[in-house]
Amino acid sequence: MRGQERGNGLPARPDAALRRIYPAVQYPPGNADIGNADAPAVGRPLACNVSRFPARERHGLVGLDGHAQRLAHLIDDLLAISRLEAGTPVERRPVAIGEVVAEVCGLLEESFCGAGVALTCHIDANLAPWRGDRRAVEEILTNLLDNARGYTPAGGAVEVRLAATDHGVALRVRDTGIGIAAEHLDRIFERFYRVDPARSRAAGGTGLGLALVKHLTDALGGKVAVASEVGVGTTFTVELPYGEERPS
């Protein structure tokens, strides 16, 4: 007997349905365990040394490994969004948010260098204590930076800026990329929405990055906005409240 379904044909519990795929696709721990301390720790797809296979088979194995990892990340993102939509709360702990932003930028710096895109990071020195979910901030910034790198040609630049506001902090990611036409701006936070499908496939990703940014920002009580001009670039701004009454 088929499981209970929604009117749109999707399982009533998409997270449960996706987790049934775990035995077939084992992927590294990622954002799926945001708000879920009991999420399983599993290995990476096709964790094998391809060098032990004949040369004619290696290319196919590498390609299969890439497809498996993309599927794994897709499931990971869908699980995270499903959990957030179900109302699973994010953590509320003291977080040195400036250190988190600097760490994410440092981890991604090499990939930006490889793409020929300059990455700079500016963090206010006098940020007030912030309470929230460290993993959520990491995922928000990582997805915004992945998006900026994928749509900024070589020779361009991406700037990250974290600044204090009256009610919390503002995280801005500004790029000098290809920009987004005005008619797309209202839809870019939808699941799987792609402004340029061909370019999106070439850049990789799951098509869920910006949707996850929106869900995580909402869960933290914040808001995300985007401003863009075709041929000039795009700026995403994520405003996050302190998570408690601002310290005096």
C-alpha atoms as a PDB file:
ATOM      1  CA  MET A   1       0.000   0.000   0.000  1.00  0.00           C
ATOM      2  CA  ARG A   2       1.290   3.445  -0.855  1.00  0.00           C
ATOM      3  CA  GLY A   3       1.972   5.870   1.975  1.00  0.00           C
ATOM      4  CA  GLN A   4      -0.305   8.787   2.721  1.00  0.00           C
ATOM      5  CA  GLU A   5       0.077  11.585   0.174  1.00  0.00           C
ATOM      6  CA  ARG A   6      -0.794  15.233  -0.115  1.00  0.00           C
ATOM      7  CA  GLY A   7      -3.139  16.537  -2.746  1.00  0.00           C
ATOM      8  CA  ASN A   8      -0.186  17.414  -4.969  1.00  0.00           C
ATOM      9  CA  GLY A   9       0.996  13.796  -5.029  1.00  0.00           C
ATOM     10  CA  LEU A  10       3.910  14.383  -2.659  1.00  0.00           C
ATOM     11  CA  PRO A  11       4.296  12.272   0.491  1.00  0.00           C
ATOM     12  CA  ALA A  12       2.696  13.793   3.575  1.00  0.00           C
ATOM     13  CA  ARG A  13       6.053  13.415   5.310  1.00  0.00           C
ATOM     14  CA  PRO A  14       8.661  14.226   2.636  1.00  0.00           C
ATOM     15  CA  ASP A  15      11.472  13.994   5.174  1.00  0.00           C
ATOM     16  CA  ALA A  16      10.500  10.395   5.954  1.00  0.00           C
ATOM     17  CA  ALA A  17      10.259   9.570   2.253  1.00  0.00           C
ATOM     18  CA  LEU A  18      13.680  11.049   1.558  1.00  0.00           C
ATOM     19  CA  ARG A  19      15.258   9.250   4.472  1.00  0.00           C
ATOM     20  CA  ARG A  20      14.252   5.939   2.901  1.00  0.00           C
ATOM     21  CA  ILE A  21      16.806   6.771   0.212  1.00  0.00           C
ATOM     22  CA  TYR A  22      19.640   6.906   2.789  1.00  0.00           C
ATOM     23  CA  PRO A  23      20.722   3.275   2.340  1.00  0.00           C
ATOM     24  CA  ALA A  24      21.137   3.833  -1.402  1.00  0.00           C
ATOM     25  CA  VAL A  25      22.771   7.260  -1.245  1.00  0.00           C
ATOM     26  CA  GLN A  26      25.085   7.748   1.697  1.00  0.00           C
ATOM     27  CA  TYR A  27      26.255  11.304   1.901  1.00  0.00           C
ATOM     28  CA  PRO A  28      28.386  13.407   4.223  1.00  0.00           C
ATOM     29  CA  PRO A  29      26.760  15.198   7.140  1.00  0.00           C
ATOM     30  CA  GLY A  30      25.519  18.564   5.923  1.00  0.00           C
ATOM     31  CA  ASN A  31      22.765  21.052   6.485  1.00  0.00           C
ATOM     32  CA  ALA A  32      20.100  18.330   6.812  1.00  0.00           C
ATOM     33  CA  ASP A  33      20.855  18.074  10.509  1.00  0.00           C
ATOM     34  CA  ILE A  34      20.172  21.752  11.258  1.00  0.00           C
ATOM     35  CA  GLY A  35      17.716  21.630  14.124  1.00  0.00           C
ATOM     36  CA  ASN A  36      18.068  17.851  14.373  1.00  0.00           C
ATOM     37  CA  ALA A  37      20.661  16.521  16.783  1.00  0.00           C
ATOM     38  CA  ASP A  38      19.672  12.931  15.946  1.00  0.00           C
ATOM     39  CA  ALA A  39      20.469  13.127  12.234  1.00  0.00           C
ATOM     40  CA  PRO A  40      22.598  10.134  11.173  1.00  0.00           C
ATOM     41  CA  ALA A  41      26.253  10.526  10.344  1.00  0.00           C
ATOM     42  CA  VAL A  42      26.901   8.700   7.101  1.00  0.00           C
ATOM     43  CA  GLY A  43      29.767   8.389   4.667  1.00  0.00           C
ATOM     44  CA  ARG A  44      30.398  10.088   1.333  1.00  0.00           C
ATOM     45  CA  PRO A  45      29.060   8.562  -1.892  1.00  0.00           C
ATOM     46  CA  LEU A  46      31.240   6.014  -3.614  1.00  0.00           C
ATOM     47  CA  ALA A  47      34.000   6.362  -1.064  1.00  0.00           C
ATOM     48  CA  CYS A  48      36.554   4.399  -3.065  1.00  0.00           C
ATOM     49  CA  ASN A  49      39.986   4.813  -4.588  1.00  0.00           C
ATOM     50  CA  VAL A  50      39.397   4.864  -8.346  1.00  0.00           C
ATOM     51  CA  SER A  51      43.105   4.332  -9.022  1.00  0.00           C
ATOM     52  CA  ARG A  52      42.679   0.610  -8.391  1.00  0.00           C
ATOM     53  CA  PHE A  53      40.351   0.317 -11.393  1.00  0.00           C
ATOM     54  CA  PRO A  54      41.457   0.028 -15.041  1.00  0.00           C
ATOM     55  CA  ALA A  55      42.000   3.378 -16.735  1.00  0.00           C
ATOM     56  CA  ARG A  56      39.052   2.919 -19.113  1.00  0.00           C
ATOM     57  CA  GLU A  57      36.697   2.574 -16.133  1.00  0.00           C
ATOM     58  CA  ARG A  58      37.966   5.497 -14.069  1.00  0.00           C
ATOM     59  CA  HIS A  59      36.253   8.218 -16.087  1.00  0.00           C
ATOM     60  CA  GLY A  60      32.885   6.545 -15.687  1.00  0.00           C
ATOM     61  CA  LEU A  61      33.411   6.033 -11.956  1.00  0.00           C
ATOM     62  CA  VAL A  62      34.384   9.664 -11.425  1.00  0.00           C
ATOM     63  CA  GLY A  63      31.299  10.784 -13.310  1.00  0.00           C
ATOM     64  CA  LEU A  64      29.094   8.421 -11.306  1.00  0.00           C
ATOM     65  CA  ASP A  65      30.627   9.724  -8.091  1.00  0.00           C
ATOM     66  CA  GLY A  66      29.829  13.291  -9.140  1.00  0.00           C
ATOM     67  CA  HIS A  67      26.212  12.407  -9.913  1.00  0.00           C
ATOM     68  CA  ALA A  68      25.880  10.603  -6.582  1.00  0.00           C
ATOM     69  CA  GLN A  69      27.213  13.581  -4.683  1.00  0.00           C
ATOM     70  CA  ARG A  70      24.859  15.975  -6.462  1.00  0.00           C
ATOM     71  CA  LEU A  71      21.951  13.695  -5.589  1.00  0.00           C
ATOM     72  CA  ALA A  72      23.199  13.517  -2.009  1.00  0.00           C
ATOM     73  CA  HIS A  73      23.342  17.301  -1.705  1.00  0.00           C
ATOM     74  CA  LEU A  74      19.887  17.572  -3.246  1.00  0.00           C
ATOM     75  CA  ILE A  75      18.455  15.208  -0.629  1.00  0.00           C
ATOM     76  CA  ASP A  76      20.377  17.046   2.067  1.00  0.00           C
ATOM     77  CA  ASP A  77      18.856  20.399   1.069  1.00  0.00           C
ATOM     78  CA  LEU A  78      15.347  18.975   0.713  1.00  0.00           C
ATOM     79  CA  LEU A  79      15.544  17.432   4.176  1.00  0.00           C
ATOM     80  CA  ALA A  80      16.693  20.705   5.682  1.00  0.00           C
ATOM     81  CA  ILE A  81      13.902  22.682   4.010  1.00  0.00           C
ATOM     82  CA  SER A  82      11.308  20.052   4.951  1.00  0.00           C
ATOM     83  CA  ARG A  83      12.367  20.194   8.586  1.00  0.00           C
ATOM     84  CA  LEU A  84      12.239  23.989   8.658  1.00  0.00           C
ATOM     85  CA  GLU A  85       8.804  24.030   7.016  1.00  0.00           C
ATOM     86  CA  ALA A  86       7.617  21.575   9.667  1.00  0.00           C
ATOM     87  CA  GLY A  87       8.524  24.151  12.301  1.00  0.00           C
ATOM     88  CA  THR A  88      11.661  22.553  13.722  1.00  0.00           C
ATOM     89  CA  PRO A  89      13.287  25.364  15.704  1.00  0.00           C
ATOM     90  CA  VAL A  90      16.861  26.444  15.135  1.00  0.00           C
ATOM     91  CA  GLU A  91      19.256  26.754  18.042  1.00  0.00           C
ATOM     92  CA  ARG A  92      19.473  29.889  20.131  1.00  0.00           C
ATOM     93  CA  ARG A  93      22.959  30.018  21.571  1.00  0.00           C
ATOM     94  CA  PRO A  94      25.608  32.723  21.896  1.00  0.00           C
ATOM     95  CA  VAL A  95      27.516  32.845  18.614  1.00  0.00           C
ATOM     96  CA  ALA A  96      30.577  34.870  17.658  1.00  0.00           C
ATOM     97  CA  ILE A  97      28.977  35.651  14.320  1.00  0.00           C
ATOM     98  CA  GLY A  98      31.933  37.682  13.068  1.00  0.00           C
ATOM     99  CA  GLU A  99      34.210  34.676  13.538  1.00  0.00           C
ATOM    100  CA  VAL A 100      31.729  32.441  11.729  1.00  0.00           C
ATOM    101  CA  VAL A 101      31.610  34.765   8.718  1.00  0.00           C
ATOM    102  CA  ALA A 102      35.404  35.061   8.606  1.00  0.00           C
ATOM    103  CA  GLU A 103      35.767  31.278   8.825  1.00  0.00           C
ATOM    104  CA  VAL A 104      33.357  30.607   5.963  1.00  0.00           C
ATOM    105  CA  CYS A 105      35.108  33.170   3.774  1.00  0.00           C
ATOM    106  CA  GLY A 106      38.459  31.595   4.579  1.00  0.00           C
ATOM    107  CA  LEU A 107      37.245  28.101   3.719  1.00  0.00           C
ATOM    108  CA  LEU A 108      35.895  29.232   0.333  1.00  0.00           C
ATOM    109  CA  GLU A 109      38.783  31.505  -0.608  1.00  0.00           C
ATOM    110  CA  GLU A 110      40.615  28.802  -2.556  1.00  0.00           C
ATOM    111  CA  SER A 111      37.579  27.993  -4.708  1.00  0.00           C
ATOM    112  CA  PHE A 112      37.216  31.699  -5.547  1.00  0.00           C
ATOM    113  CA  CYS A 113      40.884  31.904  -6.511  1.00  0.00           C
ATOM    114  CA  GLY A 114      40.396  28.889  -8.761  1.00  0.00           C
ATOM    115  CA  ALA A 115      37.469  30.629 -10.449  1.00  0.00           C
ATOM    116  CA  GLY A 116      39.460  33.838 -10.916  1.00  0.00           C
ATOM    117  CA  VAL A 117      37.071  35.809  -8.700  1.00  0.00           C
ATOM    118  CA  ALA A 118      38.355  38.089  -5.915  1.00  0.00           C
ATOM    119  CA  LEU A 119      36.745  37.541  -2.503  1.00  0.00           C
ATOM    120  CA  THR A 120      36.962  40.154   0.246  1.00  0.00           C
ATOM    121  CA  CYS A 121      35.443  40.108   3.709  1.00  0.00           C
ATOM    122  CA  HIS A 122      34.724  43.116   5.959  1.00  0.00           C
ATOM    123  CA  ILE A 123      33.493  42.611   9.531  1.00  0.00           C
ATOM    124  CA  ASP A 124      32.575  45.364  11.983  1.00  0.00           C
ATOM    125  CA  ALA A 125      34.932  45.347  14.945  1.00  0.00           C
ATOM    126  CA  ASN A 126      32.316  46.183  17.576  1.00  0.00           C
ATOM    127  CA  LEU A 127      29.532  43.686  17.025  1.00  0.00           C
ATOM    128  CA  ALA A 128      27.232  43.130  19.998  1.00  0.00           C
ATOM    129  CA  PRO A 129      26.698  39.548  21.244  1.00  0.00           C
ATOM    130  CA  TRP A 130      24.344  37.601  18.979  1.00  0.00           C
ATOM    131  CA  ARG A 131      22.251  34.539  19.777  1.00  0.00           C
ATOM    132  CA  GLY A 132      21.260  32.072  17.097  1.00  0.00           C
ATOM    133  CA  ASP A 133      22.269  28.966  15.186  1.00  0.00           C
ATOM    134  CA  ARG A 134      25.883  28.818  14.039  1.00  0.00           C
ATOM    135  CA  ARG A 135      25.176  26.140  11.430  1.00  0.00           C
ATOM    136  CA  ALA A 136      22.348  28.202   9.981  1.00  0.00           C
ATOM    137  CA  VAL A 137      24.640  31.217   9.517  1.00  0.00           C
ATOM    138  CA  GLU A 138      27.276  28.994   7.902  1.00  0.00           C
ATOM    139  CA  GLU A 139      24.721  27.594   5.466  1.00  0.00           C
ATOM    140  CA  ILE A 140      23.259  30.998   4.626  1.00  0.00           C
ATOM    141  CA  LEU A 141      26.640  32.509   3.810  1.00  0.00           C
ATOM    142  CA  THR A 142      27.966  29.407   2.025  1.00  0.00           C
ATOM    143  CA  ASN A 143      24.947  29.282  -0.275  1.00  0.00           C
ATOM    144  CA  LEU A 144      25.111  33.005  -1.023  1.00  0.00           C
ATOM    145  CA  LEU A 145      28.820  32.767  -1.805  1.00  0.00           C
ATOM    146  CA  ASP A 146      28.379  29.658  -3.970  1.00  0.00           C
ATOM    147  CA  ASN A 147      25.710  31.530  -5.893  1.00  0.00           C
ATOM    148  CA  ALA A 148      27.888  34.641  -6.275  1.00  0.00           C
ATOM    149  CA  ARG A 149      30.894  32.643  -7.467  1.00  0.00           C
ATOM    150  CA  GLY A 150      28.825  30.704  -9.989  1.00  0.00           C
ATOM    151  CA  TYR A 151      27.410  33.852 -11.595  1.00  0.00           C
ATOM    152  CA  THR A 152      30.474  36.086 -11.500  1.00  0.00           C
ATOM    153  CA  PRO A 153      32.856  35.774 -14.477  1.00  0.00           C
ATOM    154  CA  ALA A 154      36.602  35.472 -13.999  1.00  0.00           C
ATOM    155  CA  GLY A 155      38.087  38.862 -13.204  1.00  0.00           C
ATOM    156  CA  GLY A 156      35.061  39.862 -11.140  1.00  0.00           C
ATOM    157  CA  ALA A 157      34.768  40.378  -7.414  1.00  0.00           C
ATOM    158  CA  VAL A 158      32.579  39.348  -4.480  1.00  0.00           C
ATOM    159  CA  GLU A 159      32.428  41.337  -1.259  1.00  0.00           C
ATOM    160  CA  VAL A 160      31.085  40.091   2.077  1.00  0.00           C
ATOM    161  CA  ARG A 161      30.226  42.651   4.730  1.00  0.00           C
ATOM    162  CA  LEU A 162      28.890  42.051   8.261  1.00  0.00           C
ATOM    163  CA  ALA A 163      27.701  45.143  10.101  1.00  0.00           C
ATOM    164  CA  ALA A 164      25.701  45.978  13.211  1.00  0.00           C
ATOM    165  CA  THR A 165      22.177  47.372  12.899  1.00  0.00           C
ATOM    166  CA  ASP A 166      19.787  48.836  15.468  1.00  0.00           C
ATOM    167  CA  HIS A 167      18.147  45.442  15.973  1.00  0.00           C
ATOM    168  CA  GLY A 168      20.846  42.928  15.112  1.00  0.00           C
ATOM    169  CA  VAL A 169      23.293  42.376  12.273  1.00  0.00           C
ATOM    170  CA  ALA A 170      23.203  42.725   8.486  1.00  0.00           C
ATOM    171  CA  LEU A 171      25.107  40.304   6.288  1.00  0.00           C
ATOM    172  CA  ARG A 172      25.631  41.509   2.703  1.00  0.00           C
ATOM    173  CA  VAL A 173      27.075  39.606  -0.220  1.00  0.00           C
ATOM    174  CA  ARG A 174      27.708  41.821  -3.246  1.00  0.00           C
ATOM    175  CA  ASP A 175      29.055  40.568  -6.569  1.00  0.00           C
ATOM    176  CA  THR A 176      30.010  42.099  -9.910  1.00  0.00           C
ATOM    177  CA  GLY A 177      28.402  39.215 -11.788  1.00  0.00           C
ATOM    178  CA  ILE A 178      25.935  38.989 -14.640  1.00  0.00           C
ATOM    179  CA  GLY A 179      23.025  40.288 -12.573  1.00  0.00           C
ATOM    180  CA  ILE A 180      19.374  39.241 -12.457  1.00  0.00           C
ATOM    181  CA  ALA A 181      16.609  40.738 -14.579  1.00  0.00           C
ATOM    182  CA  ALA A 182      13.845  42.452 -12.611  1.00  0.00           C
ATOM    183  CA  GLU A 183      11.166  39.960 -13.691  1.00  0.00           C
ATOM    184  CA  HIS A 184      13.008  37.145 -11.922  1.00  0.00           C
ATOM    185  CA  LEU A 185      13.659  38.814  -8.570  1.00  0.00           C
ATOM    186  CA  ASP A 186      10.320  37.838  -7.002  1.00  0.00           C
ATOM    187  CA  ARG A 187      10.898  34.147  -7.726  1.00  0.00           C
ATOM    188  CA  ILE A 188      14.558  33.443  -7.042  1.00  0.00           C
ATOM    189  CA  PHE A 189      13.843  32.121  -3.538  1.00  0.00           C
ATOM    190  CA  GLU A 190      11.499  29.447  -4.886  1.00  0.00           C
ATOM    191  CA  ARG A 191      12.636  25.830  -4.924  1.00  0.00           C
ATOM    192  CA  PHE A 192      14.410  24.838  -8.135  1.00  0.00           C
ATOM    193  CA  TYR A 193      13.791  28.205  -9.789  1.00  0.00           C
ATOM    194  CA  ARG A 194      16.643  29.034 -12.133  1.00  0.00           C
ATOM    195  CA  VAL A 195      17.041  32.324 -13.963  1.00  0.00           C
ATOM    196  CA  ASP A 196      19.293  30.720 -16.587  1.00  0.00           C
ATOM    197  CA  PRO A 197      18.887  26.902 -16.525  1.00  0.00           C
ATOM    198  CA  ALA A 198      21.820  26.276 -18.875  1.00  0.00           C
ATOM    199  CA  ARG A 199      24.233  28.386 -16.822  1.00  0.00           C
ATOM    200  CA  SER A 200      22.883  26.920 -13.577  1.00  0.00           C
ATOM    201  CA  ARG A 201      23.620  23.386 -14.732  1.00  0.00           C
ATOM    202  CA  ALA A 202      27.152  24.411 -15.671  1.00  0.00           C
ATOM    203  CA  ALA A 203      27.662  26.070 -12.280  1.00  0.00           C
ATOM    204  CA  GLY A 204      26.424  22.992 -10.422  1.00  0.00           C
ATOM    205  CA  GLY A 205      24.320  23.157  -7.275  1.00  0.00           C
ATOM    206  CA  THR A 206      20.906  21.770  -6.445  1.00  0.00           C
ATOM    207  CA  GLY A 207      18.645  24.700  -7.296  1.00  0.00           C
ATOM    208  CA  LEU A 208      17.705  24.890  -3.627  1.00  0.00           C
ATOM    209  CA  GLY A 209      20.428  27.137  -2.248  1.00  0.00           C
ATOM    210  CA  LEU A 210      18.477  30.393  -2.223  1.00  0.00           C
ATOM    211  CA  ALA A 211      15.313  28.648  -1.007  1.00  0.00           C
ATOM    212  CA  LEU A 212      17.330  27.314   1.921  1.00  0.00           C
ATOM    213  CA  VAL A 213      18.730  30.800   2.583  1.00  0.00           C
ATOM    214  CA  LYS A 214      15.177  32.138   2.802  1.00  0.00           C
ATOM    215  CA  HIS A 215      13.938  29.350   5.088  1.00  0.00           C
ATOM    216  CA  LEU A 216      16.915  29.627   7.440  1.00  0.00           C
ATOM    217  CA  THR A 217      16.640  33.412   7.602  1.00  0.00           C
ATOM    218  CA  ASP A 218      12.927  33.139   8.410  1.00  0.00           C
ATOM    219  CA  ALA A 219      13.651  30.547  11.105  1.00  0.00           C
ATOM    220  CA  LEU A 220      16.089  32.973  12.719  1.00  0.00           C
ATOM    221  CA  GLY A 221      13.431  35.698  12.715  1.00  0.00           C
ATOM    222  CA  GLY A 222      15.216  37.693  10.032  1.00  0.00           C
ATOM    223  CA  LYS A 223      14.589  38.777   6.472  1.00  0.00           C
ATOM    224  CA  VAL A 224      16.478  38.539   3.197  1.00  0.00           C
ATOM    225  CA  ALA A 225      16.377  40.974   0.305  1.00  0.00           C
ATOM    226  CA  VAL A 226      18.000  41.147  -3.113  1.00  0.00           C
ATOM    227  CA  ALA A 227      18.891  44.032  -5.428  1.00  0.00           C
ATOM    228  CA  SER A 228      20.340  43.445  -8.861  1.00  0.00           C
ATOM    229  CA  GLU A 229      21.097  45.045 -12.201  1.00  0.00           C
ATOM    230  CA  VAL A 230      21.851  43.052 -15.322  1.00  0.00           C
ATOM    231  CA  GLY A 231      25.486  43.439 -16.332  1.00  0.00           C
ATOM    232  CA  VAL A 232      26.388  45.169 -13.064  1.00  0.00           C
ATOM    233  CA  GLY A 233      25.904  42.650 -10.265  1.00  0.00           C
ATOM    234  CA  THR A 234      23.758  41.487  -7.386  1.00  0.00           C
ATOM    235  CA  THR A 235      23.580  42.221  -3.665  1.00  0.00           C
ATOM    236  CA  PHE A 236      21.888  39.936  -1.142  1.00  0.00           C
ATOM    237  CA  THR A 237      21.217  41.375   2.305  1.00  0.00           C
ATOM    238  CA  VAL A 238      20.317  39.138   5.248  1.00  0.00           C
ATOM    239  CA  GLU A 239      19.163  40.954   8.376  1.00  0.00           C
ATOM    240  CA  LEU A 240      19.209  38.899  11.576  1.00  0.00           C
ATOM    241  CA  PRO A 241      17.841  40.076  14.928  1.00  0.00           C
ATOM    242  CA  TYR A 242      19.894  39.678  18.092  1.00  0.00           C
ATOM    243  CA  GLY A 243      17.837  36.674  19.191  1.00  0.00           C
ATOM    244  CA  GLU A 244      17.193  38.337  22.537  1.00  0.00           C
ATOM    245  CA  GLU A 245      16.848  41.884  23.807  1.00  0.00           C
ATOM    246  CA  ARG A 246      19.868  43.882  22.699  1.00  0.00           C
ATOM    247  CA  PRO A 247      22.581  44.217  25.346  1.00  0.00           C
ATOM    248  CA  SER A 248      22.874  47.719  26.783  1.00  0.00           C
END
